[in-house]
Amino acid sequence: MEQQLTRQEANNGKTIVRRSEEDILKHLDEQEKSGFTVKEYCELYEIVEQTFYSWLKKYRPKPEDEVKGFAPIEVVSPVVPVWPQLFAEVGNIKIYKEVPAEYLKSTHGYKSH
């Protein structure tokens, strides 16, 4: 992999390597396709693992990171039928609302034989 690197010497004597956005994206793609873990890939290419994870966060946000705040919803009012809705039908009897079983057993309702 050809890299465009900028090297700087830090106060503590360590070398700071600056990579272009193009190189960072190439590393992210290569690691994903390589089958190596992030740790293995970073050791192979001498990349600080924390740096690699910061690249992932910056350039490959997770879907849940993209959505902020409330999700829009559409409120749909229930459809009210024009005609009374049939609740139950027993033989020739049609019931259009909930009726207690006691009522159906009483002399006012269904008579059993």
N, C-alpha and C. Protein backbone atom coordinates (compact mmCIF):
# COMPACT_ATOMS: atom_id res chain seq x y z
N MET A 1 0.85 -1.17 0.00
CA MET A 1 0.00 0.00 0.00
C MET A 1 0.89 1.24 0.00
N GLU A 2 0.69 2.09 -0.98
CA GLU A 2 1.47 3.31 -1.07
C GLU A 2 0.83 4.34 -0.14
N GLN A 3 1.63 4.99 0.68
CA GLN A 3 1.09 5.92 1.66
C GLN A 3 1.69 7.29 1.49
N GLN A 4 0.87 8.29 1.76
CA GLN A 4 1.35 9.66 1.79
C GLN A 4 1.46 10.02 3.27
N LEU A 5 2.66 9.98 3.79
CA LEU A 5 2.88 10.20 5.21
C LEU A 5 3.59 11.52 5.46
N THR A 6 3.22 12.17 6.53
CA THR A 6 3.93 13.34 7.01
C THR A 6 4.42 12.98 8.40
N ARG A 7 5.73 13.06 8.61
CA ARG A 7 6.28 12.68 9.91
C ARG A 7 6.73 13.93 10.65
N GLN A 8 6.40 13.97 11.96
CA GLN A 8 6.81 15.06 12.83
C GLN A 8 7.42 14.47 14.08
N GLU A 9 8.36 15.18 14.63
CA GLU A 9 8.99 14.75 15.88
C GLU A 9 8.25 15.43 17.03
N ALA A 10 7.77 14.66 17.98
CA ALA A 10 7.05 15.20 19.14
C ALA A 10 8.05 15.57 20.22
N ASN A 11 7.61 16.32 21.23
CA ASN A 11 8.47 16.75 22.34
C ASN A 11 9.06 15.56 23.09
N ASN A 12 8.33 14.44 23.15
CA ASN A 12 8.80 13.30 23.91
C ASN A 12 9.72 12.38 23.09
N GLY A 13 10.08 12.80 21.89
CA GLY A 13 11.00 12.02 21.07
C GLY A 13 10.31 11.02 20.16
N LYS A 14 9.01 10.85 20.28
CA LYS A 14 8.28 9.93 19.41
C LYS A 14 7.95 10.60 18.09
N THR A 15 7.83 9.80 17.07
CA THR A 15 7.49 10.32 15.75
C THR A 15 5.98 10.28 15.58
N ILE A 16 5.42 11.41 15.15
CA ILE A 16 3.99 11.50 14.87
C ILE A 16 3.82 11.36 13.37
N VAL A 17 2.96 10.41 12.95
CA VAL A 17 2.74 10.18 11.53
C VAL A 17 1.35 10.71 11.18
N ARG A 18 1.30 11.60 10.21
CA ARG A 18 0.03 12.14 9.73
C ARG A 18 -0.27 11.49 8.38
N ARG A 19 -1.47 10.92 8.26
CA ARG A 19 -1.87 10.27 7.02
C ARG A 19 -2.97 11.09 6.37
N SER A 20 -3.03 11.01 5.05
CA SER A 20 -4.08 11.71 4.33
C SER A 20 -5.40 10.97 4.51
N GLU A 21 -6.48 11.65 4.26
CA GLU A 21 -7.80 11.02 4.37
C GLU A 21 -7.90 9.83 3.42
N GLU A 22 -7.31 9.96 2.25
CA GLU A 22 -7.31 8.86 1.27
C GLU A 22 -6.62 7.62 1.84
N ASP A 23 -5.47 7.81 2.49
CA ASP A 23 -4.75 6.68 3.09
C ASP A 23 -5.54 6.05 4.24
N ILE A 24 -6.17 6.89 5.02
CA ILE A 24 -6.97 6.39 6.14
C ILE A 24 -8.11 5.51 5.62
N LEU A 25 -8.81 5.99 4.60
CA LEU A 25 -9.92 5.22 4.02
C LEU A 25 -9.42 3.92 3.41
N LYS A 26 -8.23 3.93 2.81
CA LYS A 26 -7.65 2.70 2.25
C LYS A 26 -7.37 1.70 3.38
N HIS A 27 -6.83 2.17 4.48
CA HIS A 27 -6.55 1.29 5.62
C HIS A 27 -7.84 0.70 6.17
N LEU A 28 -8.88 1.51 6.30
CA LEU A 28 -10.15 1.02 6.81
C LEU A 28 -10.73 -0.07 5.90
N ASP A 29 -10.67 0.17 4.59
CA ASP A 29 -11.17 -0.82 3.63
C ASP A 29 -10.33 -2.10 3.66
N GLU A 30 -9.02 -1.94 3.67
CA GLU A 30 -8.13 -3.11 3.67
C GLU A 30 -8.31 -3.96 4.92
N GLN A 31 -8.43 -3.32 6.07
CA GLN A 31 -8.61 -4.07 7.31
C GLN A 31 -9.91 -4.86 7.26
N GLU A 32 -10.96 -4.23 6.76
CA GLU A 32 -12.27 -4.90 6.68
C GLU A 32 -12.21 -6.12 5.76
N LYS A 33 -11.50 -6.01 4.65
CA LYS A 33 -11.41 -7.10 3.67
C LYS A 33 -10.37 -8.15 4.05
N SER A 34 -9.42 -7.79 4.90
CA SER A 34 -8.28 -8.66 5.19
C SER A 34 -8.63 -9.88 6.04
N GLY A 35 -9.63 -9.76 6.89
CA GLY A 35 -9.93 -10.85 7.80
C GLY A 35 -9.14 -10.76 9.10
N PHE A 36 -8.21 -9.81 9.18
CA PHE A 36 -7.44 -9.59 10.40
C PHE A 36 -8.29 -8.82 11.39
N THR A 37 -8.05 -9.04 12.67
CA THR A 37 -8.68 -8.20 13.69
C THR A 37 -8.03 -6.83 13.61
N VAL A 38 -8.65 -5.86 14.25
CA VAL A 38 -8.07 -4.51 14.25
C VAL A 38 -6.69 -4.55 14.88
N LYS A 39 -6.55 -5.29 15.97
CA LYS A 39 -5.27 -5.37 16.67
C LYS A 39 -4.19 -5.96 15.75
N GLU A 40 -4.51 -7.07 15.07
CA GLU A 40 -3.53 -7.71 14.17
C GLU A 40 -3.15 -6.78 13.02
N TYR A 41 -4.16 -6.12 12.44
CA TYR A 41 -3.91 -5.22 11.32
C TYR A 41 -3.02 -4.06 11.75
N CYS A 42 -3.31 -3.50 12.91
CA CYS A 42 -2.52 -2.37 13.40
C CYS A 42 -1.07 -2.77 13.68
N GLU A 43 -0.87 -3.96 14.23
CA GLU A 43 0.50 -4.44 14.46
C GLU A 43 1.23 -4.61 13.14
N LEU A 44 0.54 -5.12 12.13
CA LEU A 44 1.14 -5.36 10.82
C LEU A 44 1.57 -4.07 10.15
N TYR A 45 0.76 -3.02 10.26
CA TYR A 45 1.05 -1.75 9.58
C TYR A 45 1.58 -0.67 10.52
N GLU A 46 1.92 -1.05 11.76
CA GLU A 46 2.48 -0.13 12.75
C GLU A 46 1.59 1.09 12.96
N ILE A 47 0.32 0.81 13.21
CA ILE A 47 -0.66 1.86 13.49
C ILE A 47 -1.09 1.70 14.95
N VAL A 48 -1.18 2.80 15.65
CA VAL A 48 -1.65 2.76 17.04
C VAL A 48 -3.13 2.37 16.99
N GLU A 49 -3.47 1.35 17.77
CA GLU A 49 -4.84 0.80 17.74
C GLU A 49 -5.89 1.86 18.07
N GLN A 50 -5.60 2.73 19.04
CA GLN A 50 -6.54 3.79 19.40
C GLN A 50 -6.77 4.74 18.22
N THR A 51 -5.71 4.98 17.47
CA THR A 51 -5.82 5.84 16.29
C THR A 51 -6.75 5.20 15.27
N PHE A 52 -6.59 3.91 15.06
CA PHE A 52 -7.42 3.20 14.09
C PHE A 52 -8.90 3.30 14.49
N TYR A 53 -9.18 3.10 15.79
CA TYR A 53 -10.57 3.19 16.25
C TYR A 53 -11.11 4.61 16.11
N SER A 54 -10.27 5.62 16.28
CA SER A 54 -10.74 7.00 16.08
C SER A 54 -11.05 7.24 14.60
N TRP A 55 -10.28 6.60 13.69
CA TRP A 55 -10.60 6.69 12.26
C TRP A 55 -11.95 6.04 11.97
N LEU A 56 -12.18 4.89 12.57
CA LEU A 56 -13.46 4.20 12.37
C LEU A 56 -14.62 5.08 12.82
N LYS A 57 -14.46 5.69 13.97
CA LYS A 57 -15.53 6.53 14.50
C LYS A 57 -15.79 7.74 13.60
N LYS A 58 -14.71 8.31 13.08
CA LYS A 58 -14.83 9.51 12.26
C LYS A 58 -15.34 9.20 10.85
N TYR A 59 -14.83 8.16 10.23
CA TYR A 59 -15.12 7.90 8.82
C TYR A 59 -16.17 6.82 8.58
N ARG A 60 -16.47 6.01 9.57
CA ARG A 60 -17.46 4.94 9.42
C ARG A 60 -18.40 4.94 10.62
N PRO A 61 -19.22 5.98 10.77
CA PRO A 61 -20.11 6.00 11.93
C PRO A 61 -21.13 4.87 11.85
N LYS A 62 -21.50 4.35 13.01
CA LYS A 62 -22.52 3.30 13.08
C LYS A 62 -23.87 3.94 12.76
N PRO A 63 -24.80 3.14 12.21
CA PRO A 63 -26.12 3.71 11.87
C PRO A 63 -26.81 4.40 13.05
N GLU A 64 -26.68 3.85 14.26
CA GLU A 64 -27.34 4.50 15.40
C GLU A 64 -26.68 5.82 15.76
N ASP A 65 -25.40 6.03 15.34
CA ASP A 65 -24.73 7.30 15.59
C ASP A 65 -25.25 8.39 14.66
N GLU A 66 -25.79 7.99 13.50
CA GLU A 66 -26.24 8.96 12.51
C GLU A 66 -27.56 9.60 12.90
N VAL A 67 -28.41 8.86 13.60
CA VAL A 67 -29.72 9.37 13.98
C VAL A 67 -29.62 10.05 15.33
N LYS A 68 -29.97 11.32 15.37
CA LYS A 68 -29.94 12.09 16.61
C LYS A 68 -31.34 12.61 16.88
N GLY A 69 -31.73 12.62 18.12
CA GLY A 69 -33.02 13.18 18.49
C GLY A 69 -34.16 12.22 18.25
N PHE A 70 -35.31 12.78 17.96
CA PHE A 70 -36.52 11.99 17.79
C PHE A 70 -36.70 11.60 16.32
N ALA A 71 -37.25 10.44 16.12
CA ALA A 71 -37.57 9.99 14.77
C ALA A 71 -38.97 10.49 14.42
N PRO A 72 -39.17 10.96 13.19
CA PRO A 72 -40.51 11.42 12.82
C PRO A 72 -41.48 10.25 12.72
N ILE A 73 -42.69 10.47 13.17
CA ILE A 73 -43.72 9.44 13.05
C ILE A 73 -44.95 10.05 12.41
N GLU A 74 -45.76 9.21 11.82
CA GLU A 74 -46.99 9.67 11.21
C GLU A 74 -48.14 9.12 12.04
N VAL A 75 -49.00 10.00 12.51
CA VAL A 75 -50.15 9.59 13.31
C VAL A 75 -51.33 9.42 12.36
N VAL A 76 -51.87 8.22 12.35
CA VAL A 76 -53.01 7.92 11.50
C VAL A 76 -54.21 7.67 12.38
N SER A 77 -55.28 8.42 12.13
CA SER A 77 -56.47 8.23 12.96
C SER A 77 -57.14 6.91 12.59
N PRO A 78 -57.75 6.27 13.59
CA PRO A 78 -58.41 4.99 13.29
C PRO A 78 -59.60 5.19 12.37
N VAL A 79 -59.87 4.22 11.55
CA VAL A 79 -60.99 4.28 10.62
C VAL A 79 -62.25 3.91 11.39
N VAL A 80 -63.22 4.81 11.38
CA VAL A 80 -64.48 4.57 12.07
C VAL A 80 -65.47 4.05 11.03
N PRO A 81 -66.01 2.85 11.22
CA PRO A 81 -66.94 2.32 10.23
C PRO A 81 -68.24 3.12 10.22
N VAL A 82 -68.83 3.27 9.04
CA VAL A 82 -70.08 4.01 8.90
C VAL A 82 -71.22 3.19 9.50
N TRP A 83 -71.22 1.90 9.27
CA TRP A 83 -72.25 1.01 9.80
C TRP A 83 -71.74 0.40 11.09
N PRO A 84 -72.64 0.02 11.97
CA PRO A 84 -72.20 -0.64 13.20
C PRO A 84 -71.42 -1.92 12.86
N GLN A 85 -70.36 -2.13 13.58
CA GLN A 85 -69.51 -3.29 13.33
C GLN A 85 -70.06 -4.51 14.06
N LEU A 86 -70.15 -5.63 13.36
CA LEU A 86 -70.68 -6.86 13.93
C LEU A 86 -69.69 -7.42 14.94
N PHE A 87 -70.17 -7.67 16.16
CA PHE A 87 -69.32 -8.22 17.21
C PHE A 87 -69.36 -9.75 17.20
N ALA A 88 -70.56 -10.32 17.08
CA ALA A 88 -70.71 -11.78 17.08
C ALA A 88 -72.02 -12.14 16.39
N GLU A 89 -72.07 -13.37 15.91
CA GLU A 89 -73.30 -13.87 15.30
C GLU A 89 -73.49 -15.31 15.77
N VAL A 90 -74.63 -15.57 16.38
CA VAL A 90 -74.96 -16.90 16.88
C VAL A 90 -76.29 -17.29 16.26
N GLY A 91 -76.26 -18.25 15.36
CA GLY A 91 -77.48 -18.63 14.66
C GLY A 91 -77.98 -17.45 13.86
N ASN A 92 -79.24 -17.05 14.13
CA ASN A 92 -79.83 -15.89 13.44
C ASN A 92 -79.66 -14.59 14.22
N ILE A 93 -78.99 -14.67 15.35
CA ILE A 93 -78.83 -13.49 16.21
C ILE A 93 -77.51 -12.80 15.85
N LYS A 94 -77.60 -11.49 15.58
CA LYS A 94 -76.41 -10.68 15.31
C LYS A 94 -76.23 -9.71 16.47
N ILE A 95 -75.04 -9.69 17.02
CA ILE A 95 -74.74 -8.83 18.17
C ILE A 95 -73.72 -7.79 17.71
N TYR A 96 -74.04 -6.51 17.94
CA TYR A 96 -73.19 -5.42 17.47
C TYR A 96 -72.34 -4.78 18.56
N LYS A 97 -72.47 -5.25 19.77
CA LYS A 97 -71.57 -4.78 20.83
C LYS A 97 -71.41 -5.91 21.83
N GLU A 98 -70.41 -5.78 22.70
CA GLU A 98 -70.12 -6.83 23.67
C GLU A 98 -71.27 -6.93 24.67
N VAL A 99 -71.70 -8.17 24.88
CA VAL A 99 -72.83 -8.41 25.78
C VAL A 99 -72.37 -9.44 26.80
N PRO A 100 -72.69 -9.24 28.10
CA PRO A 100 -72.31 -10.23 29.11
C PRO A 100 -73.03 -11.56 28.86
N ALA A 101 -72.36 -12.66 29.16
CA ALA A 101 -72.94 -13.98 28.95
C ALA A 101 -74.20 -14.17 29.79
N GLU A 102 -74.24 -13.56 30.97
CA GLU A 102 -75.41 -13.66 31.84
C GLU A 102 -76.66 -13.12 31.13
N TYR A 103 -76.50 -12.06 30.38
CA TYR A 103 -77.63 -11.47 29.66
C TYR A 103 -78.16 -12.45 28.63
N LEU A 104 -77.24 -13.11 27.93
CA LEU A 104 -77.67 -14.06 26.90
C LEU A 104 -78.38 -15.26 27.52
N LYS A 105 -78.03 -15.63 28.74
CA LYS A 105 -78.65 -16.78 29.42
C LYS A 105 -79.96 -16.40 30.08
N SER A 106 -80.20 -15.13 30.29
CA SER A 106 -81.42 -14.69 30.99
C SER A 106 -82.65 -14.87 30.11
N THR A 107 -83.80 -14.64 30.68
CA THR A 107 -85.04 -14.79 29.93
C THR A 107 -85.21 -13.72 28.88
N HIS A 108 -84.48 -12.63 29.01
CA HIS A 108 -84.56 -11.56 28.02
C HIS A 108 -83.78 -11.90 26.77
N GLY A 109 -82.79 -12.75 26.92
CA GLY A 109 -81.93 -13.08 25.79
C GLY A 109 -82.26 -14.45 25.24
N TYR A 110 -81.28 -15.24 25.03
CA TYR A 110 -81.40 -16.56 24.43
C TYR A 110 -82.01 -17.54 25.44
N LYS A 111 -82.98 -18.33 25.00
CA LYS A 111 -83.61 -19.31 25.87
C LYS A 111 -83.07 -20.70 25.50
N SER A 112 -82.53 -21.39 26.47
CA SER A 112 -82.01 -22.73 26.19
C SER A 112 -83.14 -23.75 26.29
N HIS A 113 -83.02 -24.88 25.63
CA HIS A 113 -84.05 -25.93 25.63
C HIS A 113 -83.82 -26.90 26.74
